[in-house]
Amino acid sequence: TTEGDPLIKSRIRSIQRQLARRRMMAEVPKADVIVTN
């Protein structure tokens, strides 16, 4: 009741990560170089 259902909070965090990842991927075409490992 106070903190929210852990399953729902986990689902919300997952959706937030997906949205942040999509925004990040949309910035990749603006890059000058990709450094890899």
PDB file of all heavy atoms in Angstrom:
ATOM      1  N   THR A   1       0.824  -1.212   0.000  1.00  0.00           N
ATOM      2  CA  THR A   1       0.000   0.000   0.000  1.00  0.00           C
ATOM      3  C   THR A   1       0.854   1.256   0.000  1.00  0.00           C
ATOM      4  O   THR A   1       0.554   2.224  -0.707  1.00  0.00           O
ATOM      5  CB  THR A   1      -0.918   0.003   1.232  1.00  0.00           C
ATOM      6  OG1 THR A   1      -1.723  -1.188   1.223  1.00  0.00           O
ATOM      7  CG2 THR A   1      -1.829   1.220   1.227  1.00  0.00           C
ATOM      8  N   THR A   2       1.913   1.236   0.796  1.00  0.00           N
ATOM      9  CA  THR A   2       2.736   2.441   0.925  1.00  0.00           C
ATOM     10  C   THR A   2       3.795   2.542  -0.167  1.00  0.00           C
ATOM     11  O   THR A   2       4.034   3.612  -0.715  1.00  0.00           O
ATOM     12  CB  THR A   2       3.418   2.461   2.300  1.00  0.00           C
ATOM     13  OG1 THR A   2       4.165   1.244   2.485  1.00  0.00           O
ATOM     14  CG2 THR A   2       2.379   2.571   3.405  1.00  0.00           C
ATOM     15  N   GLU A   3       4.449   1.430  -0.462  1.00  0.00           N
ATOM     16  CA  GLU A   3       5.546   1.446  -1.428  1.00  0.00           C
ATOM     17  C   GLU A   3       5.138   0.972  -2.817  1.00  0.00           C
ATOM     18  O   GLU A   3       5.860   1.189  -3.784  1.00  0.00           O
ATOM     19  CB  GLU A   3       6.700   0.576  -0.912  1.00  0.00           C
ATOM     20  CG  GLU A   3       7.238   0.988   0.438  1.00  0.00           C
ATOM     21  CD  GLU A   3       7.889   2.353   0.389  1.00  0.00           C
ATOM     22  OE1 GLU A   3       8.368   2.737  -0.695  1.00  0.00           O
ATOM     23  OE2 GLU A   3       7.920   3.034   1.426  1.00  0.00           O
ATOM     24  N   GLY A   4       3.987   0.302  -2.888  1.00  0.00           N
ATOM     25  CA  GLY A   4       3.552  -0.231  -4.175  1.00  0.00           C
ATOM     26  C   GLY A   4       3.893  -1.705  -4.307  1.00  0.00           C
ATOM     27  O   GLY A   4       4.807  -2.218  -3.668  1.00  0.00           O
ATOM     28  N   ASP A   5       3.127  -2.409  -5.127  1.00  0.00           N
ATOM     29  CA  ASP A   5       3.366  -3.828  -5.366  1.00  0.00           C
ATOM     30  C   ASP A   5       4.730  -4.007  -6.026  1.00  0.00           C
ATOM     31  O   ASP A   5       5.020  -3.389  -7.055  1.00  0.00           O
ATOM     32  CB  ASP A   5       2.253  -4.371  -6.280  1.00  0.00           C
ATOM     33  CG  ASP A   5       2.266  -5.899  -6.325  1.00  0.00           C
ATOM     34  OD1 ASP A   5       3.365  -6.473  -6.249  1.00  0.00           O
ATOM     35  OD2 ASP A   5       1.178  -6.492  -6.438  1.00  0.00           O
ATOM     36  N   PRO A   6       5.590  -4.869  -5.471  1.00  0.00           N
ATOM     37  CA  PRO A   6       6.927  -5.073  -6.059  1.00  0.00           C
ATOM     38  C   PRO A   6       6.871  -5.504  -7.519  1.00  0.00           C
ATOM     39  O   PRO A   6       7.717  -5.094  -8.321  1.00  0.00           O
ATOM     40  CB  PRO A   6       7.538  -6.165  -5.174  1.00  0.00           C
ATOM     41  CG  PRO A   6       6.817  -6.050  -3.870  1.00  0.00           C
ATOM     42  CD  PRO A   6       5.427  -5.610  -4.216  1.00  0.00           C
ATOM     43  N   LEU A   7       5.886  -6.327  -7.881  1.00  0.00           N
ATOM     44  CA  LEU A   7       5.768  -6.759  -9.276  1.00  0.00           C
ATOM     45  C   LEU A   7       5.434  -5.593 -10.190  1.00  0.00           C
ATOM     46  O   LEU A   7       5.996  -5.453 -11.287  1.00  0.00           O
ATOM     47  CB  LEU A   7       4.700  -7.851  -9.397  1.00  0.00           C
ATOM     48  CG  LEU A   7       5.001  -9.160  -8.658  1.00  0.00           C
ATOM     49  CD1 LEU A   7       3.829 -10.118  -8.797  1.00  0.00           C
ATOM     50  CD2 LEU A   7       6.285  -9.792  -9.212  1.00  0.00           C
ATOM     51  N   ILE A   8       4.523  -4.740  -9.713  1.00  0.00           N
ATOM     52  CA  ILE A   8       4.147  -3.576 -10.521  1.00  0.00           C
ATOM     53  C   ILE A   8       5.322  -2.611 -10.636  1.00  0.00           C
ATOM     54  O   ILE A   8       5.602  -2.072 -11.712  1.00  0.00           O
ATOM     55  CB  ILE A   8       2.924  -2.877  -9.902  1.00  0.00           C
ATOM     56  CG1 ILE A   8       1.708  -3.816  -9.943  1.00  0.00           C
ATOM     57  CG2 ILE A   8       2.621  -1.573 -10.635  1.00  0.00           C
ATOM     58  CD1 ILE A   8       0.472  -3.251  -9.300  1.00  0.00           C
ATOM     59  N   LYS A   9       6.024  -2.388  -9.502  1.00  0.00           N
ATOM     60  CA  LYS A   9       7.174  -1.487  -9.535  1.00  0.00           C
ATOM     61  C   LYS A   9       8.259  -2.026 -10.465  1.00  0.00           C
ATOM     62  O   LYS A   9       8.900  -1.263 -11.192  1.00  0.00           O
ATOM     63  CB  LYS A   9       7.729  -1.299  -8.119  1.00  0.00           C
ATOM     64  CG  LYS A   9       6.808  -0.533  -7.194  1.00  0.00           C
ATOM     65  CD  LYS A   9       7.424  -0.349  -5.830  1.00  0.00           C
ATOM     66  CE  LYS A   9       8.617   0.558  -5.886  1.00  0.00           C
ATOM     67  NZ  LYS A   9       9.196   0.818  -4.550  1.00  0.00           N
ATOM     68  N   SER A  10       8.455  -3.356 -10.434  1.00  0.00           N
ATOM     69  CA  SER A  10       9.446  -3.955 -11.323  1.00  0.00           C
ATOM     70  C   SER A  10       9.059  -3.768 -12.781  1.00  0.00           C
ATOM     71  O   SER A  10       9.904  -3.473 -13.633  1.00  0.00           O
ATOM     72  CB  SER A  10       9.597  -5.443 -10.996  1.00  0.00           C
ATOM     73  OG  SER A  10      10.477  -6.063 -11.892  1.00  0.00           O
ATOM     74  N   ARG A  11       7.761  -3.930 -13.052  1.00  0.00           N
ATOM     75  CA  ARG A  11       7.274  -3.741 -14.416  1.00  0.00           C
ATOM     76  C   ARG A  11       7.443  -2.287 -14.863  1.00  0.00           C
ATOM     77  O   ARG A  11       7.840  -2.026 -16.011  1.00  0.00           O
ATOM     78  CB  ARG A  11       5.797  -4.140 -14.490  1.00  0.00           C
ATOM     79  CG  ARG A  11       5.142  -3.935 -15.851  1.00  0.00           C
ATOM     80  CD  ARG A  11       5.844  -4.722 -16.933  1.00  0.00           C
ATOM     81  NE  ARG A  11       5.202  -4.549 -18.224  1.00  0.00           N
ATOM     82  CZ  ARG A  11       5.747  -4.877 -19.373  1.00  0.00           C
ATOM     83  NH1 ARG A  11       6.969  -5.404 -19.417  1.00  0.00           N
ATOM     84  NH2 ARG A  11       5.093  -4.694 -20.506  1.00  0.00           N
ATOM     85  N   ILE A  12       7.183  -1.354 -13.958  1.00  0.00           N
ATOM     86  CA  ILE A  12       7.340   0.068 -14.287  1.00  0.00           C
ATOM     87  C   ILE A  12       8.800   0.388 -14.581  1.00  0.00           C
ATOM     88  O   ILE A  12       9.113   1.104 -15.542  1.00  0.00           O
ATOM     89  CB  ILE A  12       6.809   0.944 -13.133  1.00  0.00           C
ATOM     90  CG1 ILE A  12       5.283   0.807 -13.019  1.00  0.00           C
ATOM     91  CG2 ILE A  12       7.198   2.410 -13.335  1.00  0.00           C
ATOM     92  CD1 ILE A  12       4.687   1.517 -11.838  1.00  0.00           C
ATOM     93  N   ARG A  13       9.706  -0.140 -13.739  1.00  0.00           N
ATOM     94  CA  ARG A  13      11.134   0.093 -13.979  1.00  0.00           C
ATOM     95  C   ARG A  13      11.580  -0.500 -15.313  1.00  0.00           C
ATOM     96  O   ARG A  13      12.397   0.085 -16.022  1.00  0.00           O
ATOM     97  CB  ARG A  13      11.958  -0.495 -12.831  1.00  0.00           C
ATOM     98  CG  ARG A  13      11.884   0.311 -11.545  1.00  0.00           C
ATOM     99  CD  ARG A  13      12.972  -0.125 -10.573  1.00  0.00           C
ATOM    100  NE  ARG A  13      12.768  -1.503 -10.146  1.00  0.00           N
ATOM    101  CZ  ARG A  13      12.121  -1.860  -9.050  1.00  0.00           C
ATOM    102  NH1 ARG A  13      11.595  -0.910  -8.274  1.00  0.00           N
ATOM    103  NH2 ARG A  13      11.988  -3.125  -8.716  1.00  0.00           N
ATOM    104  N   SER A  14      11.024  -1.668 -15.651  1.00  0.00           N
ATOM    105  CA  SER A  14      11.371  -2.290 -16.923  1.00  0.00           C
ATOM    106  C   SER A  14      10.928  -1.423 -18.095  1.00  0.00           C
ATOM    107  O   SER A  14      11.677  -1.232 -19.059  1.00  0.00           O
ATOM    108  CB  SER A  14      10.718  -3.678 -17.018  1.00  0.00           C
ATOM    109  OG  SER A  14      10.964  -4.266 -18.270  1.00  0.00           O
ATOM    110  N   ILE A  15       9.707  -0.890 -17.992  1.00  0.00           N
ATOM    111  CA  ILE A  15       9.201  -0.016 -19.059  1.00  0.00           C
ATOM    112  C   ILE A  15      10.043   1.252 -19.159  1.00  0.00           C
ATOM    113  O   ILE A  15      10.360   1.730 -20.264  1.00  0.00           O
ATOM    114  CB  ILE A  15       7.720   0.322 -18.807  1.00  0.00           C
ATOM    115  CG1 ILE A  15       6.857  -0.941 -18.927  1.00  0.00           C
ATOM    116  CG2 ILE A  15       7.233   1.393 -19.774  1.00  0.00           C
ATOM    117  CD1 ILE A  15       5.411  -0.736 -18.554  1.00  0.00           C
ATOM    118  N   GLN A  16      10.413   1.798 -17.979  1.00  0.00           N
ATOM    119  CA  GLN A  16      11.246   3.002 -17.987  1.00  0.00           C
ATOM    120  C   GLN A  16      12.594   2.737 -18.635  1.00  0.00           C
ATOM    121  O   GLN A  16      13.113   3.579 -19.379  1.00  0.00           O
ATOM    122  CB  GLN A  16      11.423   3.514 -16.550  1.00  0.00           C
ATOM    123  CG  GLN A  16      10.158   4.089 -15.939  1.00  0.00           C
ATOM    124  CD  GLN A  16      10.326   4.441 -14.481  1.00  0.00           C
ATOM    125  OE1 GLN A  16      11.258   3.967 -13.804  1.00  0.00           O
ATOM    126  NE2 GLN A  16       9.444   5.288 -13.964  1.00  0.00           N
ATOM    127  N   ARG A  17      13.179   1.573 -18.353  1.00  0.00           N
ATOM    128  CA  ARG A  17      14.462   1.231 -18.980  1.00  0.00           C
ATOM    129  C   ARG A  17      14.321   1.098 -20.491  1.00  0.00           C
ATOM    130  O   ARG A  17      15.197   1.527 -21.256  1.00  0.00           O
ATOM    131  CB  ARG A  17      15.014  -0.059 -18.372  1.00  0.00           C
ATOM    132  CG  ARG A  17      15.579   0.110 -16.975  1.00  0.00           C
ATOM    133  CD  ARG A  17      16.400  -1.112 -16.586  1.00  0.00           C
ATOM    134  NE  ARG A  17      15.579  -2.320 -16.535  1.00  0.00           N
ATOM    135  CZ  ARG A  17      14.996  -2.769 -15.428  1.00  0.00           C
ATOM    136  NH1 ARG A  17      15.125  -2.093 -14.287  1.00  0.00           N
ATOM    137  NH2 ARG A  17      14.285  -3.884 -15.446  1.00  0.00           N
ATOM    138  N   GLN A  18      13.198   0.484 -20.917  1.00  0.00           N
ATOM    139  CA  GLN A  18      12.982   0.330 -22.354  1.00  0.00           C
ATOM    140  C   GLN A  18      12.849   1.688 -23.042  1.00  0.00           C
ATOM    141  O   GLN A  18      13.421   1.902 -24.123  1.00  0.00           O
ATOM    142  CB  GLN A  18      11.723  -0.509 -22.600  1.00  0.00           C
ATOM    143  CG  GLN A  18      11.869  -1.977 -22.201  1.00  0.00           C
ATOM    144  CD  GLN A  18      10.584  -2.746 -22.404  1.00  0.00           C
ATOM    145  OE1 GLN A  18       9.617  -2.234 -22.966  1.00  0.00           O
ATOM    146  NE2 GLN A  18      10.574  -3.995 -21.954  1.00  0.00           N
ATOM    147  N   LEU A  19      12.097   2.601 -22.417  1.00  0.00           N
ATOM    148  CA  LEU A  19      11.938   3.930 -23.014  1.00  0.00           C
ATOM    149  C   LEU A  19      13.268   4.680 -23.064  1.00  0.00           C
ATOM    150  O   LEU A  19      13.581   5.345 -24.060  1.00  0.00           O
ATOM    151  CB  LEU A  19      10.904   4.732 -22.199  1.00  0.00           C
ATOM    152  CG  LEU A  19       9.463   4.209 -22.248  1.00  0.00           C
ATOM    153  CD1 LEU A  19       8.571   5.028 -21.318  1.00  0.00           C
ATOM    154  CD2 LEU A  19       8.919   4.268 -23.679  1.00  0.00           C
ATOM    155  N   ALA A  20      14.047   4.560 -21.960  1.00  0.00           N
ATOM    156  CA  ALA A  20      15.353   5.227 -21.936  1.00  0.00           C
ATOM    157  C   ALA A  20      16.278   4.639 -22.997  1.00  0.00           C
ATOM    158  O   ALA A  20      17.044   5.364 -23.656  1.00  0.00           O
ATOM    159  CB  ALA A  20      15.980   5.080 -20.545  1.00  0.00           C
ATOM    160  N   ARG A  21      16.185   3.309 -23.193  1.00  0.00           N
ATOM    161  CA  ARG A  21      17.014   2.652 -24.198  1.00  0.00           C
ATOM    162  C   ARG A  21      16.627   3.118 -25.608  1.00  0.00           C
ATOM    163  O   ARG A  21      17.491   3.345 -26.462  1.00  0.00           O
ATOM    164  CB  ARG A  21      16.872   1.143 -24.079  1.00  0.00           C
ATOM    165  CG  ARG A  21      17.900   0.362 -24.886  1.00  0.00           C
ATOM    166  CD  ARG A  21      17.713  -1.117 -24.694  1.00  0.00           C
ATOM    167  NE  ARG A  21      17.835  -1.484 -23.288  1.00  0.00           N
ATOM    168  CZ  ARG A  21      16.925  -2.177 -22.609  1.00  0.00           C
ATOM    169  NH1 ARG A  21      15.813  -2.589 -23.224  1.00  0.00           N
ATOM    170  NH2 ARG A  21      17.106  -2.479 -21.350  1.00  0.00           N
ATOM    171  N   ARG A  22      15.317   3.269 -25.833  1.00  0.00           N
ATOM    172  CA  ARG A  22      14.870   3.734 -27.148  1.00  0.00           C
ATOM    173  C   ARG A  22      15.354   5.152 -27.418  1.00  0.00           C
ATOM    174  O   ARG A  22      15.788   5.475 -28.542  1.00  0.00           O
ATOM    175  CB  ARG A  22      13.348   3.665 -27.232  1.00  0.00           C
ATOM    176  CG  ARG A  22      12.794   2.256 -27.296  1.00  0.00           C
ATOM    177  CD  ARG A  22      11.278   2.284 -27.285  1.00  0.00           C
ATOM    178  NE  ARG A  22      10.738   0.924 -27.266  1.00  0.00           N
ATOM    179  CZ  ARG A  22       9.427   0.645 -27.172  1.00  0.00           C
ATOM    180  NH1 ARG A  22       8.547   1.652 -27.107  1.00  0.00           N
ATOM    181  NH2 ARG A  22       9.014  -0.606 -27.160  1.00  0.00           N
ATOM    182  N   ARG A  23      15.276   6.007 -26.389  1.00  0.00           N
ATOM    183  CA  ARG A  23      15.756   7.378 -26.575  1.00  0.00           C
ATOM    184  C   ARG A  23      17.255   7.385 -26.845  1.00  0.00           C
ATOM    185  O   ARG A  23      17.754   8.175 -27.662  1.00  0.00           O
ATOM    186  CB  ARG A  23      15.439   8.214 -25.328  1.00  0.00           C
ATOM    187  CG  ARG A  23      13.959   8.541 -25.155  1.00  0.00           C
ATOM    188  CD  ARG A  23      13.759   9.634 -24.116  1.00  0.00           C
ATOM    189  NE  ARG A  23      14.213   9.193 -22.789  1.00  0.00           N
ATOM    190  CZ  ARG A  23      13.429   8.604 -21.889  1.00  0.00           C
ATOM    191  NH1 ARG A  23      12.143   8.380 -22.182  1.00  0.00           N
ATOM    192  NH2 ARG A  23      13.904   8.249 -20.723  1.00  0.00           N
ATOM    193  N   MET A  24      17.980   6.494 -26.154  1.00  0.00           N
ATOM    194  CA  MET A  24      19.424   6.421 -26.356  1.00  0.00           C
ATOM    195  C   MET A  24      19.746   5.944 -27.774  1.00  0.00           C
ATOM    196  O   MET A  24      20.635   6.491 -28.444  1.00  0.00           O
ATOM    197  CB  MET A  24      20.046   5.485 -25.313  1.00  0.00           C
ATOM    198  CG  MET A  24      21.562   5.391 -25.393  1.00  0.00           C
ATOM    199  SD  MET A  24      22.240   4.233 -24.180  1.00  0.00           S
ATOM    200  CE  MET A  24      21.667   2.660 -24.870  1.00  0.00           C
ATOM    201  N   MET A  25      19.022   4.910 -28.228  1.00  0.00           N
ATOM    202  CA  MET A  25      19.260   4.386 -29.564  1.00  0.00           C
ATOM    203  C   MET A  25      18.954   5.437 -30.628  1.00  0.00           C
ATOM    204  O   MET A  25      19.586   5.470 -31.698  1.00  0.00           O
ATOM    205  CB  MET A  25      18.423   3.133 -29.802  1.00  0.00           C
ATOM    206  CG  MET A  25      18.821   1.936 -28.954  1.00  0.00           C
ATOM    207  SD  MET A  25      20.546   1.461 -29.209  1.00  0.00           S
ATOM    208  CE  MET A  25      20.670   0.073 -28.076  1.00  0.00           C
ATOM    209  N   ALA A  26      17.980   6.300 -30.342  1.00  0.00           N
ATOM    210  CA  ALA A  26      17.647   7.349 -31.307  1.00  0.00           C
ATOM    211  C   ALA A  26      18.768   8.372 -31.432  1.00  0.00           C
ATOM    212  O   ALA A  26      18.843   9.108 -32.438  1.00  0.00           O
ATOM    213  CB  ALA A  26      16.354   8.040 -30.880  1.00  0.00           C
ATOM    214  N   GLU A  27      19.671   8.452 -30.421  1.00  0.00           N
ATOM    215  CA  GLU A  27      20.791   9.394 -30.469  1.00  0.00           C
ATOM    216  C   GLU A  27      22.004   8.829 -31.201  1.00  0.00           C
ATOM    217  O   GLU A  27      22.915   9.580 -31.566  1.00  0.00           O
ATOM    218  CB  GLU A  27      21.195   9.763 -29.033  1.00  0.00           C
ATOM    219  CG  GLU A  27      20.144  10.535 -28.254  1.00  0.00           C
ATOM    220  CD  GLU A  27      19.925  11.924 -28.827  1.00  0.00           C
ATOM    221  OE1 GLU A  27      20.926  12.583 -29.185  1.00  0.00           O
ATOM    222  OE2 GLU A  27      18.751  12.345 -28.956  1.00  0.00           O
ATOM    223  N   VAL A  28      22.044   7.504 -31.403  1.00  0.00           N
ATOM    224  CA  VAL A  28      23.214   6.870 -32.014  1.00  0.00           C
ATOM    225  C   VAL A  28      23.524   7.441 -33.398  1.00  0.00           C
ATOM    226  O   VAL A  28      24.703   7.691 -33.725  1.00  0.00           O
ATOM    227  CB  VAL A  28      23.033   5.334 -32.069  1.00  0.00           C
ATOM    228  CG1 VAL A  28      24.165   4.688 -32.867  1.00  0.00           C
ATOM    229  CG2 VAL A  28      22.977   4.750 -30.670  1.00  0.00           C
ATOM    230  N   PRO A  29      22.539   7.702 -34.267  1.00  0.00           N
ATOM    231  CA  PRO A  29      22.863   8.255 -35.601  1.00  0.00           C
ATOM    232  C   PRO A  29      23.568   9.604 -35.550  1.00  0.00           C
ATOM    233  O   PRO A  29      24.178  10.020 -36.555  1.00  0.00           O
ATOM    234  CB  PRO A  29      21.490   8.364 -36.283  1.00  0.00           C
ATOM    235  CG  PRO A  29      20.663   7.324 -35.609  1.00  0.00           C
ATOM    236  CD  PRO A  29      21.111   7.327 -34.186  1.00  0.00           C
ATOM    237  N   LYS A  30      23.509  10.293 -34.403  1.00  0.00           N
ATOM    238  CA  LYS A  30      24.168  11.600 -34.283  1.00  0.00           C
ATOM    239  C   LYS A  30      25.635  11.459 -33.882  1.00  0.00           C
ATOM    240  O   LYS A  30      26.345  12.471 -33.801  1.00  0.00           O
ATOM    241  CB  LYS A  30      23.445  12.458 -33.245  1.00  0.00           C
ATOM    242  CG  LYS A  30      21.978  12.700 -33.552  1.00  0.00           C
ATOM    243  CD  LYS A  30      21.322  13.503 -32.454  1.00  0.00           C
ATOM    244  CE  LYS A  30      19.820  13.692 -32.706  1.00  0.00           C
ATOM    245  NZ  LYS A  30      19.160  14.452 -31.619  1.00  0.00           N
ATOM    246  N   ALA A  31      26.090  10.240 -33.601  1.00  0.00           N
ATOM    247  CA  ALA A  31      27.451  10.026 -33.105  1.00  0.00           C
ATOM    248  C   ALA A  31      28.485  10.237 -34.208  1.00  0.00           C
ATOM    249  O   ALA A  31      28.211  10.059 -35.406  1.00  0.00           O
ATOM    250  CB  ALA A  31      27.575   8.622 -32.520  1.00  0.00           C
ATOM    251  N   ASP A  32      29.707  10.601 -33.807  1.00  0.00           N
ATOM    252  CA  ASP A  32      30.834  10.727 -34.732  1.00  0.00           C
ATOM    253  C   ASP A  32      31.622   9.433 -34.836  1.00  0.00           C
ATOM    254  O   ASP A  32      32.225   9.153 -35.884  1.00  0.00           O
ATOM    255  CB  ASP A  32      31.771  11.853 -34.268  1.00  0.00           C
ATOM    256  CG  ASP A  32      31.108  13.208 -34.389  1.00  0.00           C
ATOM    257  OD1 ASP A  32      30.589  13.515 -35.466  1.00  0.00           O
ATOM    258  OD2 ASP A  32      31.083  13.955 -33.381  1.00  0.00           O
ATOM    259  N   VAL A  33      31.619   8.650 -33.728  1.00  0.00           N
ATOM    260  CA  VAL A  33      32.373   7.412 -33.719  1.00  0.00           C
ATOM    261  C   VAL A  33      31.798   6.488 -32.646  1.00  0.00           C
ATOM    262  O   VAL A  33      31.255   6.945 -31.642  1.00  0.00           O
ATOM    263  CB  VAL A  33      33.874   7.668 -33.442  1.00  0.00           C
ATOM    264  CG1 VAL A  33      34.082   8.273 -32.062  1.00  0.00           C
ATOM    265  CG2 VAL A  33      34.697   6.395 -33.606  1.00  0.00           C
ATOM    266  N   ILE A  34      31.954   5.170 -32.879  1.00  0.00           N
ATOM    267  CA  ILE A  34      31.567   4.161 -31.909  1.00  0.00           C
ATOM    268  C   ILE A  34      32.832   3.440 -31.467  1.00  0.00           C
ATOM    269  O   ILE A  34      33.546   2.865 -32.299  1.00  0.00           O
ATOM    270  CB  ILE A  34      30.567   3.152 -32.496  1.00  0.00           C
ATOM    271  CG1 ILE A  34      29.372   3.864 -33.127  1.00  0.00           C
ATOM    272  CG2 ILE A  34      30.120   2.171 -31.415  1.00  0.00           C
ATOM    273  CD1 ILE A  34      28.547   4.670 -32.146  1.00  0.00           C
ATOM    274  N   VAL A  35      33.134   3.480 -30.179  1.00  0.00           N
ATOM    275  CA  VAL A  35      34.306   2.807 -29.638  1.00  0.00           C
ATOM    276  C   VAL A  35      33.835   1.483 -29.038  1.00  0.00           C
ATOM    277  O   VAL A  35      32.926   1.447 -28.204  1.00  0.00           O
ATOM    278  CB  VAL A  35      34.995   3.669 -28.562  1.00  0.00           C
ATOM    279  CG1 VAL A  35      36.240   2.964 -28.022  1.00  0.00           C
ATOM    280  CG2 VAL A  35      35.354   5.039 -29.131  1.00  0.00           C
ATOM    281  N   THR A  36      34.474   0.368 -29.447  1.00  0.00           N
ATOM    282  CA  THR A  36      34.039  -0.956 -28.987  1.00  0.00           C
ATOM    283  C   THR A  36      35.150  -1.698 -28.268  1.00  0.00           C
ATOM    284  O   THR A  36      36.312  -1.271 -28.271  1.00  0.00           O
ATOM    285  CB  THR A  36      33.560  -1.803 -30.181  1.00  0.00           C
ATOM    286  OG1 THR A  36      34.682  -2.057 -31.046  1.00  0.00           O
ATOM    287  CG2 THR A  36      32.463  -1.101 -30.955  1.00  0.00           C
ATOM    288  N   ASN A  37      34.745  -2.906 -27.751  1.00  0.00           N
ATOM    289  CA  ASN A  37      35.652  -3.674 -26.873  1.00  0.00           C
ATOM    290  C   ASN A  37      36.230  -4.987 -27.408  1.00  0.00           C
ATOM    291  O   ASN A  37      37.010  -5.600 -26.647  1.00  0.00           O
ATOM    292  CB  ASN A  37      34.907  -3.964 -25.564  1.00  0.00           C
ATOM    293  CG  ASN A  37      35.851  -4.488 -24.496  1.00  0.00           C
ATOM    294  OD1 ASN A  37      37.052  -4.239 -24.535  1.00  0.00           O
ATOM    295  ND2 ASN A  37      35.338  -5.234 -23.562  1.00  0.00           N
TER     296      ASN A  37
END
